[in-house]
Amino acid sequence: MTAIVSSIRGFAHEHDDVPAFHAAFLVGTILCAAVFNLGFYAILILAHVCLDIVKYRDVHGFSFKQTIKAAALESIGDIALFLLALNFAIYLNHTYMLNALSGMMRSELTVLRAFGTMVPKIRILENMCAIALNFHGYMHTQHPALDRKLSRLEKWSIRTIVVSIAFLVLAVFLFQANQWDLVQVLSHELIPSL
């Protein structure tokens, strides 16, 4: 068993030098983004937050308040991307906007919807794979924003989260006549499935 673990660790440390790994990783992440719905990525983000709570509470001995702050900072980008993808999935769903449009415009919005949901999924999956490939280093490294002000990316992530939540609340009012359809879209996107 030690030889297997040693070879896996060796690969994890040297995988950046293998071009075939990068190609396979890129194809794999794009395939996963196309196959899995947003519910799968919600589970990944939740697992990341739980891992951060264990990391900062048990490994680094932070207080509960510091742990929550650190876990939020670690996952803020993924949460922003997830909510952005959810907005794309709702507002560009066939049930709502796409039915009202002509064929050519419908196909363009379908491509836009695919782009708006797949790019965040790819980023979230890449982040989780990076954690998995360097788990020990991840568990013993603190987030740099704990000792400094928020970066521009973190500030934009917070803005994206606020705007995305506002649009999700707005969707309830905009689609008041079609609330059952909205519930079906949300269940299709958020209940993990292929």
N, C-alpha and C. Protein backbone atom coordinates (compact mmCIF):
# COMPACT_ATOMS: atom_id res chain seq x y z
N MET A 1 0.82 -1.19 0.00
CA MET A 1 0.00 0.00 0.00
C MET A 1 0.87 1.26 0.00
N THR A 2 2.00 1.22 0.68
CA THR A 2 2.89 2.37 0.75
C THR A 2 3.45 2.71 -0.63
N ALA A 3 3.74 1.72 -1.45
CA ALA A 3 4.27 1.96 -2.79
C ALA A 3 3.23 2.66 -3.66
N ILE A 4 1.97 2.27 -3.53
CA ILE A 4 0.90 2.91 -4.31
C ILE A 4 0.74 4.36 -3.89
N VAL A 5 0.69 4.60 -2.59
CA VAL A 5 0.55 5.97 -2.08
C VAL A 5 1.75 6.81 -2.50
N SER A 6 2.95 6.23 -2.46
CA SER A 6 4.15 6.94 -2.85
C SER A 6 4.12 7.31 -4.33
N SER A 7 3.66 6.38 -5.17
CA SER A 7 3.61 6.69 -6.60
C SER A 7 2.53 7.73 -6.91
N ILE A 8 1.41 7.70 -6.18
CA ILE A 8 0.37 8.72 -6.37
C ILE A 8 0.90 10.09 -5.94
N ARG A 9 1.59 10.14 -4.83
CA ARG A 9 2.18 11.42 -4.38
C ARG A 9 3.21 11.93 -5.37
N GLY A 10 4.03 11.01 -5.88
CA GLY A 10 5.03 11.41 -6.88
C GLY A 10 4.38 12.00 -8.11
N PHE A 11 3.30 11.37 -8.57
CA PHE A 11 2.57 11.90 -9.73
C PHE A 11 1.96 13.26 -9.41
N ALA A 12 1.40 13.40 -8.22
CA ALA A 12 0.78 14.67 -7.83
C ALA A 12 1.80 15.80 -7.82
N HIS A 13 3.04 15.51 -7.44
CA HIS A 13 4.06 16.54 -7.40
C HIS A 13 4.64 16.85 -8.79
N GLU A 14 4.59 15.88 -9.70
CA GLU A 14 5.20 16.05 -11.01
C GLU A 14 4.20 16.17 -12.14
N HIS A 15 2.91 16.23 -11.86
CA HIS A 15 1.90 16.22 -12.92
C HIS A 15 1.96 17.47 -13.80
N ASP A 16 2.51 18.57 -13.30
CA ASP A 16 2.61 19.78 -14.10
C ASP A 16 3.60 19.64 -15.25
N ASP A 17 4.52 18.68 -15.14
CA ASP A 17 5.53 18.48 -16.18
C ASP A 17 5.07 17.53 -17.28
N VAL A 18 3.88 16.95 -17.16
CA VAL A 18 3.39 15.96 -18.12
C VAL A 18 2.36 16.62 -19.03
N PRO A 19 2.69 16.89 -20.31
CA PRO A 19 1.74 17.56 -21.21
C PRO A 19 0.45 16.75 -21.42
N ALA A 20 0.59 15.42 -21.46
CA ALA A 20 -0.60 14.59 -21.67
C ALA A 20 -1.58 14.74 -20.51
N PHE A 21 -1.08 14.99 -19.31
CA PHE A 21 -1.96 15.19 -18.17
C PHE A 21 -2.81 16.44 -18.37
N HIS A 22 -2.19 17.52 -18.85
CA HIS A 22 -2.93 18.76 -19.07
C HIS A 22 -4.03 18.57 -20.10
N ALA A 23 -3.72 17.86 -21.19
CA ALA A 23 -4.72 17.61 -22.22
C ALA A 23 -5.87 16.76 -21.68
N ALA A 24 -5.52 15.69 -20.98
CA ALA A 24 -6.56 14.82 -20.41
C ALA A 24 -7.37 15.55 -19.36
N PHE A 25 -6.71 16.37 -18.57
CA PHE A 25 -7.41 17.12 -17.53
C PHE A 25 -8.39 18.11 -18.16
N LEU A 26 -7.97 18.81 -19.20
CA LEU A 26 -8.84 19.77 -19.87
C LEU A 26 -10.05 19.08 -20.49
N VAL A 27 -9.81 17.99 -21.19
CA VAL A 27 -10.93 17.24 -21.80
C VAL A 27 -11.85 16.69 -20.71
N GLY A 28 -11.28 16.19 -19.65
CA GLY A 28 -12.09 15.64 -18.56
C GLY A 28 -12.95 16.69 -17.87
N THR A 29 -12.39 17.87 -17.63
CA THR A 29 -13.17 18.91 -16.96
C THR A 29 -14.28 19.43 -17.87
N ILE A 30 -14.00 19.58 -19.16
CA ILE A 30 -15.05 20.03 -20.10
C ILE A 30 -16.15 18.98 -20.19
N LEU A 31 -15.77 17.72 -20.24
CA LEU A 31 -16.77 16.64 -20.29
C LEU A 31 -17.62 16.62 -19.02
N CYS A 32 -16.99 16.75 -17.87
CA CYS A 32 -17.75 16.78 -16.61
C CYS A 32 -18.67 17.99 -16.54
N ALA A 33 -18.20 19.13 -17.02
CA ALA A 33 -19.04 20.34 -17.01
C ALA A 33 -20.26 20.17 -17.92
N ALA A 34 -20.08 19.44 -19.00
CA ALA A 34 -21.21 19.23 -19.91
C ALA A 34 -22.18 18.17 -19.39
N VAL A 35 -21.67 17.19 -18.66
CA VAL A 35 -22.50 16.07 -18.23
C VAL A 35 -23.23 16.34 -16.91
N PHE A 36 -22.54 16.88 -15.92
CA PHE A 36 -23.14 17.04 -14.60
C PHE A 36 -23.88 18.37 -14.50
N ASN A 37 -24.99 18.36 -13.77
CA ASN A 37 -25.75 19.60 -13.57
C ASN A 37 -25.17 20.39 -12.41
N LEU A 38 -25.76 21.54 -12.13
CA LEU A 38 -25.24 22.43 -11.09
C LEU A 38 -25.32 21.84 -9.68
N GLY A 39 -26.22 20.91 -9.46
CA GLY A 39 -26.33 20.27 -8.14
C GLY A 39 -25.04 19.57 -7.74
N PHE A 40 -24.39 18.94 -8.71
CA PHE A 40 -23.11 18.28 -8.45
C PHE A 40 -22.06 19.30 -7.99
N TYR A 41 -22.07 20.46 -8.61
CA TYR A 41 -21.11 21.50 -8.26
C TYR A 41 -21.46 22.16 -6.92
N ALA A 42 -22.73 22.19 -6.59
CA ALA A 42 -23.13 22.67 -5.26
C ALA A 42 -22.57 21.75 -4.19
N ILE A 43 -22.60 20.44 -4.45
CA ILE A 43 -22.02 19.48 -3.51
C ILE A 43 -20.51 19.67 -3.39
N LEU A 44 -19.83 19.93 -4.53
CA LEU A 44 -18.39 20.18 -4.48
C LEU A 44 -18.06 21.42 -3.65
N ILE A 45 -18.85 22.47 -3.83
CA ILE A 45 -18.62 23.70 -3.07
C ILE A 45 -18.89 23.47 -1.59
N LEU A 46 -19.96 22.76 -1.28
CA LEU A 46 -20.27 22.44 0.12
C LEU A 46 -19.16 21.59 0.75
N ALA A 47 -18.64 20.64 -0.01
CA ALA A 47 -17.52 19.82 0.49
C ALA A 47 -16.29 20.69 0.73
N HIS A 48 -16.06 21.65 -0.17
CA HIS A 48 -14.93 22.57 -0.02
C HIS A 48 -15.09 23.40 1.25
N VAL A 49 -16.28 23.92 1.50
CA VAL A 49 -16.52 24.72 2.70
C VAL A 49 -16.33 23.86 3.95
N CYS A 50 -16.85 22.64 3.94
CA CYS A 50 -16.69 21.74 5.10
C CYS A 50 -15.21 21.42 5.33
N LEU A 51 -14.48 21.20 4.25
CA LEU A 51 -13.04 20.94 4.35
C LEU A 51 -12.32 22.14 4.93
N ASP A 52 -12.74 23.34 4.52
CA ASP A 52 -12.13 24.56 5.07
C ASP A 52 -12.43 24.72 6.55
N ILE A 53 -13.62 24.35 6.97
CA ILE A 53 -13.97 24.44 8.39
C ILE A 53 -13.07 23.51 9.20
N VAL A 54 -12.88 22.30 8.71
CA VAL A 54 -11.98 21.37 9.41
C VAL A 54 -10.55 21.90 9.38
N LYS A 55 -10.15 22.42 8.23
CA LYS A 55 -8.79 22.95 8.08
C LYS A 55 -8.51 24.07 9.07
N TYR A 56 -9.37 25.05 9.12
CA TYR A 56 -9.10 26.22 9.97
C TYR A 56 -9.43 25.99 11.44
N ARG A 57 -10.40 25.15 11.71
CA ARG A 57 -10.79 24.91 13.10
C ARG A 57 -9.86 23.90 13.77
N ASP A 58 -9.65 22.77 13.09
CA ASP A 58 -8.87 21.68 13.71
C ASP A 58 -7.37 21.79 13.46
N VAL A 59 -6.98 22.09 12.23
CA VAL A 59 -5.55 22.11 11.90
C VAL A 59 -4.90 23.40 12.39
N HIS A 60 -5.55 24.55 12.12
CA HIS A 60 -4.94 25.83 12.48
C HIS A 60 -5.44 26.40 13.80
N GLY A 61 -6.47 25.83 14.39
CA GLY A 61 -6.96 26.25 15.70
C GLY A 61 -7.60 27.63 15.73
N PHE A 62 -8.27 28.03 14.66
CA PHE A 62 -8.93 29.33 14.61
C PHE A 62 -10.19 29.31 15.46
N SER A 63 -10.63 30.50 15.85
CA SER A 63 -11.92 30.62 16.54
C SER A 63 -13.03 30.36 15.52
N PHE A 64 -14.26 30.21 16.02
CA PHE A 64 -15.38 29.93 15.13
C PHE A 64 -15.60 31.07 14.13
N LYS A 65 -15.51 32.32 14.59
CA LYS A 65 -15.71 33.48 13.73
C LYS A 65 -14.62 33.54 12.65
N GLN A 66 -13.37 33.32 13.03
CA GLN A 66 -12.27 33.32 12.07
C GLN A 66 -12.41 32.17 11.07
N THR A 67 -12.89 31.04 11.55
CA THR A 67 -13.08 29.88 10.69
C THR A 67 -14.12 30.16 9.62
N ILE A 68 -15.24 30.76 10.01
CA ILE A 68 -16.30 31.08 9.05
C ILE A 68 -15.78 32.08 8.02
N LYS A 69 -15.04 33.09 8.48
CA LYS A 69 -14.48 34.09 7.56
C LYS A 69 -13.52 33.42 6.58
N ALA A 70 -12.64 32.58 7.09
CA ALA A 70 -11.66 31.92 6.23
C ALA A 70 -12.33 30.97 5.24
N ALA A 71 -13.32 30.22 5.69
CA ALA A 71 -14.03 29.30 4.79
C ALA A 71 -14.77 30.08 3.70
N ALA A 72 -15.35 31.21 4.07
CA ALA A 72 -16.06 32.04 3.08
C ALA A 72 -15.07 32.61 2.06
N LEU A 73 -13.91 33.07 2.53
CA LEU A 73 -12.92 33.62 1.61
C LEU A 73 -12.37 32.56 0.66
N GLU A 74 -12.20 31.35 1.16
CA GLU A 74 -11.67 30.27 0.33
C GLU A 74 -12.64 29.92 -0.80
N SER A 75 -13.94 30.00 -0.55
CA SER A 75 -14.93 29.54 -1.52
C SER A 75 -15.70 30.65 -2.20
N ILE A 76 -15.35 31.88 -1.94
CA ILE A 76 -16.15 33.00 -2.45
C ILE A 76 -16.19 33.03 -3.98
N GLY A 77 -15.09 32.73 -4.62
CA GLY A 77 -15.07 32.70 -6.08
C GLY A 77 -15.95 31.61 -6.65
N ASP A 78 -15.89 30.42 -6.05
CA ASP A 78 -16.72 29.31 -6.51
C ASP A 78 -18.20 29.59 -6.30
N ILE A 79 -18.53 30.19 -5.17
CA ILE A 79 -19.93 30.52 -4.89
C ILE A 79 -20.44 31.54 -5.90
N ALA A 80 -19.62 32.55 -6.21
CA ALA A 80 -20.01 33.56 -7.19
C ALA A 80 -20.23 32.92 -8.56
N LEU A 81 -19.33 32.05 -8.98
CA LEU A 81 -19.48 31.38 -10.27
C LEU A 81 -20.70 30.47 -10.30
N PHE A 82 -20.95 29.78 -9.20
CA PHE A 82 -22.12 28.90 -9.12
C PHE A 82 -23.41 29.71 -9.27
N LEU A 83 -23.52 30.82 -8.54
CA LEU A 83 -24.73 31.63 -8.63
C LEU A 83 -24.88 32.27 -10.01
N LEU A 84 -23.78 32.65 -10.62
CA LEU A 84 -23.82 33.19 -11.97
C LEU A 84 -24.32 32.13 -12.96
N ALA A 85 -23.80 30.92 -12.84
CA ALA A 85 -24.24 29.82 -13.70
C ALA A 85 -25.72 29.51 -13.48
N LEU A 86 -26.17 29.57 -12.23
CA LEU A 86 -27.58 29.32 -11.94
C LEU A 86 -28.46 30.38 -12.59
N ASN A 87 -28.03 31.63 -12.57
CA ASN A 87 -28.78 32.69 -13.26
C ASN A 87 -28.84 32.44 -14.76
N PHE A 88 -27.74 32.04 -15.36
CA PHE A 88 -27.76 31.71 -16.78
C PHE A 88 -28.72 30.57 -17.05
N ALA A 89 -28.69 29.56 -16.18
CA ALA A 89 -29.56 28.41 -16.38
C ALA A 89 -31.04 28.77 -16.27
N ILE A 90 -31.38 29.69 -15.38
CA ILE A 90 -32.78 30.07 -15.19
C ILE A 90 -33.25 31.03 -16.28
N TYR A 91 -32.52 32.09 -16.48
CA TYR A 91 -32.98 33.13 -17.40
C TYR A 91 -32.88 32.73 -18.87
N LEU A 92 -32.00 31.83 -19.22
CA LEU A 92 -31.88 31.38 -20.60
C LEU A 92 -32.42 29.97 -20.78
N ASN A 93 -33.37 29.59 -19.96
CA ASN A 93 -33.97 28.27 -20.05
C ASN A 93 -35.00 28.24 -21.17
N HIS A 94 -35.15 27.08 -21.77
CA HIS A 94 -36.12 26.91 -22.87
C HIS A 94 -37.54 27.23 -22.45
N THR A 95 -37.85 26.99 -21.20
CA THR A 95 -39.21 27.21 -20.72
C THR A 95 -39.59 28.68 -20.76
N TYR A 96 -38.64 29.55 -20.53
CA TYR A 96 -38.94 30.98 -20.45
C TYR A 96 -38.56 31.69 -21.73
N MET A 97 -37.40 32.25 -21.75
CA MET A 97 -37.02 33.17 -22.81
C MET A 97 -36.89 32.51 -24.17
N LEU A 98 -36.37 31.31 -24.22
CA LEU A 98 -36.06 30.72 -25.52
C LEU A 98 -37.30 30.36 -26.32
N ASN A 99 -38.42 30.09 -25.67
CA ASN A 99 -39.64 29.77 -26.40
C ASN A 99 -40.19 30.96 -27.17
N ALA A 100 -39.93 32.14 -26.72
CA ALA A 100 -40.48 33.34 -27.34
C ALA A 100 -39.67 33.81 -28.54
N LEU A 101 -38.53 33.24 -28.76
CA LEU A 101 -37.63 33.73 -29.80
C LEU A 101 -37.65 32.85 -31.04
N SER A 102 -37.16 33.43 -32.13
CA SER A 102 -37.09 32.67 -33.38
C SER A 102 -35.96 31.64 -33.30
N GLY A 103 -35.91 30.78 -34.30
CA GLY A 103 -34.96 29.68 -34.31
C GLY A 103 -33.50 30.10 -34.22
N MET A 104 -33.09 31.07 -35.02
CA MET A 104 -31.68 31.50 -35.02
C MET A 104 -31.31 32.13 -33.69
N MET A 105 -32.16 33.00 -33.19
CA MET A 105 -31.88 33.64 -31.91
C MET A 105 -31.89 32.61 -30.78
N ARG A 106 -32.77 31.64 -30.87
CA ARG A 106 -32.85 30.58 -29.86
C ARG A 106 -31.54 29.79 -29.81
N SER A 107 -30.98 29.48 -30.97
CA SER A 107 -29.73 28.72 -30.98
C SER A 107 -28.58 29.55 -30.42
N GLU A 108 -28.57 30.86 -30.69
CA GLU A 108 -27.53 31.71 -30.14
C GLU A 108 -27.64 31.80 -28.62
N LEU A 109 -28.85 31.89 -28.11
CA LEU A 109 -29.02 31.94 -26.65
C LEU A 109 -28.72 30.59 -26.00
N THR A 110 -28.95 29.51 -26.72
CA THR A 110 -28.59 28.19 -26.20
C THR A 110 -27.07 28.08 -26.05
N VAL A 111 -26.34 28.60 -27.03
CA VAL A 111 -24.88 28.60 -26.95
C VAL A 111 -24.42 29.50 -25.80
N LEU A 112 -25.06 30.67 -25.65
CA LEU A 112 -24.73 31.58 -24.55
C LEU A 112 -25.01 30.92 -23.20
N ARG A 113 -26.12 30.21 -23.10
CA ARG A 113 -26.46 29.50 -21.85
C ARG A 113 -25.42 28.42 -21.55
N ALA A 114 -25.03 27.67 -22.57
CA ALA A 114 -24.02 26.63 -22.38
C ALA A 114 -22.70 27.25 -21.92
N PHE A 115 -22.31 28.36 -22.53
CA PHE A 115 -21.08 29.04 -22.14
C PHE A 115 -21.19 29.57 -20.71
N GLY A 116 -22.33 30.16 -20.39
CA GLY A 116 -22.53 30.76 -19.06
C GLY A 116 -22.62 29.75 -17.95
N THR A 117 -22.94 28.51 -18.26
CA THR A 117 -22.98 27.48 -17.22
C THR A 117 -21.73 26.61 -17.21
N MET A 118 -21.15 26.36 -18.38
CA MET A 118 -20.00 25.45 -18.43
C MET A 118 -18.71 26.08 -17.91
N VAL A 119 -18.47 27.34 -18.20
CA VAL A 119 -17.23 27.98 -17.75
C VAL A 119 -17.15 27.99 -16.22
N PRO A 120 -18.21 28.41 -15.51
CA PRO A 120 -18.13 28.31 -14.04
C PRO A 120 -17.96 26.88 -13.53
N LYS A 121 -18.61 25.92 -14.17
CA LYS A 121 -18.47 24.52 -13.75
C LYS A 121 -17.03 24.06 -13.91
N ILE A 122 -16.41 24.42 -15.04
CA ILE A 122 -15.01 24.03 -15.28
C ILE A 122 -14.10 24.63 -14.21
N ARG A 123 -14.30 25.89 -13.88
CA ARG A 123 -13.47 26.56 -12.88
C ARG A 123 -13.63 25.93 -11.49
N ILE A 124 -14.87 25.62 -11.13
CA ILE A 124 -15.13 25.01 -9.82
C ILE A 124 -14.46 23.63 -9.76
N LEU A 125 -14.60 22.84 -10.81
CA LEU A 125 -13.99 21.51 -10.84
C LEU A 125 -12.47 21.58 -10.82
N GLU A 126 -11.89 22.52 -11.55
CA GLU A 126 -10.43 22.69 -11.52
C GLU A 126 -9.95 23.04 -10.12
N ASN A 127 -10.69 23.90 -9.42
CA ASN A 127 -10.32 24.28 -8.06
C ASN A 127 -10.34 23.06 -7.14
N MET A 128 -11.36 22.23 -7.24
CA MET A 128 -11.44 21.03 -6.39
C MET A 128 -10.36 20.01 -6.75
N CYS A 129 -10.04 19.89 -8.02
CA CYS A 129 -8.97 18.97 -8.42
C CYS A 129 -7.61 19.44 -7.90
N ALA A 130 -7.40 20.75 -7.91
CA ALA A 130 -6.15 21.29 -7.37
C ALA A 130 -6.02 20.99 -5.88
N ILE A 131 -7.13 21.06 -5.17
CA ILE A 131 -7.12 20.72 -3.75
C ILE A 131 -6.82 19.24 -3.56
N ALA A 132 -7.47 18.41 -4.36
CA ALA A 132 -7.28 16.95 -4.22
C ALA A 132 -5.85 16.53 -4.56
N LEU A 133 -5.24 17.18 -5.54
CA LEU A 133 -3.88 16.80 -5.94
C LEU A 133 -2.80 17.28 -4.99
N ASN A 134 -3.11 18.27 -4.17
CA ASN A 134 -2.14 18.76 -3.19
C ASN A 134 -2.85 18.91 -1.84
N PHE A 135 -3.47 17.86 -1.39
CA PHE A 135 -4.31 17.91 -0.20
C PHE A 135 -3.52 18.32 1.05
N HIS A 136 -2.35 17.73 1.24
CA HIS A 136 -1.55 18.03 2.43
C HIS A 136 -1.14 19.50 2.44
N GLY A 137 -0.64 19.99 1.32
CA GLY A 137 -0.26 21.40 1.23
C GLY A 137 -1.44 22.32 1.43
N TYR A 138 -2.59 21.93 0.89
CA TYR A 138 -3.79 22.75 1.03
C TYR A 138 -4.22 22.85 2.50
N MET A 139 -4.17 21.75 3.20
CA MET A 139 -4.62 21.73 4.60
C MET A 139 -3.72 22.56 5.50
N HIS A 140 -2.48 22.75 5.12
CA HIS A 140 -1.54 23.47 5.98
C HIS A 140 -1.19 24.87 5.47
N THR A 141 -1.91 25.35 4.48
CA THR A 141 -1.69 26.69 3.95
C THR A 141 -2.92 27.54 4.23
N GLN A 142 -2.69 28.69 4.83
CA GLN A 142 -3.80 29.59 5.13
C GLN A 142 -4.08 30.50 3.94
N HIS A 143 -5.33 30.92 3.82
CA HIS A 143 -5.72 31.84 2.75
C HIS A 143 -5.03 33.18 2.99
N PRO A 144 -4.43 33.77 1.95
CA PRO A 144 -3.67 35.01 2.15
C PRO A 144 -4.54 36.21 2.55
N ALA A 145 -5.82 36.20 2.25
CA ALA A 145 -6.68 37.35 2.57
C ALA A 145 -6.99 37.46 4.06
N LEU A 146 -6.61 36.47 4.84
CA LEU A 146 -6.87 36.54 6.28
C LEU A 146 -6.02 37.61 6.94
N ASP A 147 -4.88 37.92 6.33
CA ASP A 147 -3.96 38.90 6.91
C ASP A 147 -3.92 40.22 6.13
N ARG A 148 -4.75 40.36 5.11
CA ARG A 148 -4.75 41.58 4.29
C ARG A 148 -6.17 41.93 3.88
N LYS A 149 -6.30 43.04 3.17
CA LYS A 149 -7.60 43.44 2.65
C LYS A 149 -8.01 42.50 1.51
N LEU A 150 -9.29 42.54 1.18
CA LEU A 150 -9.78 41.71 0.08
C LEU A 150 -9.15 42.14 -1.24
N SER A 151 -8.85 41.17 -2.09
CA SER A 151 -8.31 41.48 -3.41
C SER A 151 -9.43 41.97 -4.32
N ARG A 152 -9.06 42.47 -5.47
CA ARG A 152 -10.06 42.94 -6.43
C ARG A 152 -10.97 41.80 -6.87
N LEU A 153 -10.40 40.62 -7.08
CA LEU A 153 -11.19 39.45 -7.48
C LEU A 153 -12.19 39.07 -6.39
N GLU A 154 -11.76 39.11 -5.15
CA GLU A 154 -12.67 38.78 -4.04
C GLU A 154 -13.79 39.81 -3.91
N LYS A 155 -13.47 41.09 -4.13
CA LYS A 155 -14.51 42.12 -4.10
C LYS A 155 -15.50 41.92 -5.23
N TRP A 156 -15.00 41.60 -6.42
CA TRP A 156 -15.91 41.35 -7.54
C TRP A 156 -16.72 40.09 -7.33
N SER A 157 -16.16 39.11 -6.65
CA SER A 157 -16.92 37.90 -6.33
C SER A 157 -18.09 38.22 -5.40
N ILE A 158 -17.83 39.09 -4.42
CA ILE A 158 -18.91 39.50 -3.51
C ILE A 158 -19.99 40.25 -4.28
N ARG A 159 -19.58 41.15 -5.17
CA ARG A 159 -20.57 41.88 -5.98
C ARG A 159 -21.37 40.93 -6.86
N THR A 160 -20.68 39.96 -7.45
CA THR A 160 -21.37 38.98 -8.29
C THR A 160 -22.38 38.18 -7.49
N ILE A 161 -22.02 37.81 -6.27
CA ILE A 161 -22.94 37.06 -5.41
C ILE A 161 -24.17 37.89 -5.11
N VAL A 162 -23.99 39.15 -4.75
CA VAL A 162 -25.12 40.02 -4.42
C VAL A 162 -26.04 40.21 -5.62
N VAL A 163 -25.46 40.50 -6.79
CA VAL A 163 -26.27 40.70 -7.99
C VAL A 163 -26.97 39.40 -8.40
N SER A 164 -26.27 38.29 -8.30
CA SER A 164 -26.86 37.00 -8.66
C SER A 164 -28.03 36.65 -7.75
N ILE A 165 -27.87 36.88 -6.47
CA ILE A 165 -28.98 36.61 -5.53
C ILE A 165 -30.15 37.54 -5.83
N ALA A 166 -29.86 38.79 -6.15
CA ALA A 166 -30.94 39.73 -6.49
C ALA A 166 -31.69 39.25 -7.74
N PHE A 167 -30.97 38.77 -8.74
CA PHE A 167 -31.63 38.26 -9.94
C PHE A 167 -32.41 36.97 -9.66
N LEU A 168 -31.93 36.15 -8.76
CA LEU A 168 -32.68 34.94 -8.41
C LEU A 168 -33.98 35.30 -7.71
N VAL A 169 -33.94 36.29 -6.83
CA VAL A 169 -35.16 36.76 -6.17
C VAL A 169 -36.09 37.40 -7.20
N LEU A 170 -35.51 38.16 -8.12
CA LEU A 170 -36.30 38.79 -9.17
C LEU A 170 -36.99 37.75 -10.07
N ALA A 171 -36.32 36.61 -10.27
CA ALA A 171 -36.91 35.55 -11.10
C ALA A 171 -38.22 35.06 -10.52
N VAL A 172 -38.32 35.02 -9.21
CA VAL A 172 -39.56 34.57 -8.57
C VAL A 172 -40.70 35.52 -8.94
N PHE A 173 -40.42 36.81 -8.98
CA PHE A 173 -41.45 37.79 -9.31
C PHE A 173 -41.72 37.86 -10.82
N LEU A 174 -40.67 37.77 -11.63
CA LEU A 174 -40.84 37.84 -13.08
C LEU A 174 -41.63 36.67 -13.63
N PHE A 175 -41.42 35.52 -13.05
CA PHE A 175 -42.07 34.31 -13.54
C PHE A 175 -43.17 33.85 -12.60
N GLN A 176 -43.88 34.81 -12.04
CA GLN A 176 -44.93 34.51 -11.07
C GLN A 176 -46.02 33.64 -11.68
N ALA A 177 -46.33 33.86 -12.94
CA ALA A 177 -47.37 33.05 -13.59
C ALA A 177 -46.87 31.64 -13.89
N ASN A 178 -45.57 31.48 -13.95
CA ASN A 178 -44.97 30.17 -14.28
C ASN A 178 -44.12 29.64 -13.14
N GLN A 179 -44.59 29.80 -11.92
CA GLN A 179 -43.77 29.39 -10.77
C GLN A 179 -43.49 27.89 -10.78
N TRP A 180 -44.42 27.09 -11.24
CA TRP A 180 -44.19 25.65 -11.30
C TRP A 180 -43.04 25.34 -12.26
N ASP A 181 -42.99 26.06 -13.38
CA ASP A 181 -41.90 25.87 -14.33
C ASP A 181 -40.56 26.29 -13.72
N LEU A 182 -40.58 27.37 -12.94
CA LEU A 182 -39.37 27.81 -12.26
C LEU A 182 -38.88 26.76 -11.27
N VAL A 183 -39.81 26.16 -10.54
CA VAL A 183 -39.46 25.10 -9.60
C VAL A 183 -38.88 23.90 -10.34
N GLN A 184 -39.44 23.58 -11.50
CA GLN A 184 -38.92 22.46 -12.29
C GLN A 184 -37.51 22.76 -12.80
N VAL A 185 -37.28 23.99 -13.24
CA VAL A 185 -35.93 24.37 -13.70
C VAL A 185 -34.94 24.27 -12.55
N LEU A 186 -35.32 24.80 -11.39
CA LEU A 186 -34.43 24.75 -10.23
C LEU A 186 -34.16 23.31 -9.79
N SER A 187 -35.19 22.48 -9.79
CA SER A 187 -34.97 21.08 -9.40
C SER A 187 -34.12 20.35 -10.42
N HIS A 188 -34.31 20.67 -11.71
CA HIS A 188 -33.48 20.05 -12.74
C HIS A 188 -32.02 20.46 -12.60
N GLU A 189 -31.79 21.70 -12.24
CA GLU A 189 -30.42 22.20 -12.13
C GLU A 189 -29.76 21.86 -10.80
N LEU A 190 -30.53 21.82 -9.71
CA LEU A 190 -29.92 21.72 -8.38
C LEU A 190 -29.95 20.32 -7.77
N ILE A 191 -30.80 19.44 -8.24
CA ILE A 191 -30.76 18.06 -7.73
C ILE A 191 -29.70 17.32 -8.53
N PRO A 192 -28.63 16.88 -7.87
CA PRO A 192 -27.51 16.26 -8.59
C PRO A 192 -27.95 15.10 -9.46
N SER A 193 -27.58 15.19 -10.72
CA SER A 193 -27.86 14.12 -11.68
C SER A 193 -26.97 14.32 -12.89
N LEU A 194 -27.01 13.35 -13.76
CA LEU A 194 -26.23 13.45 -15.01
C LEU A 194 -27.05 14.14 -16.07
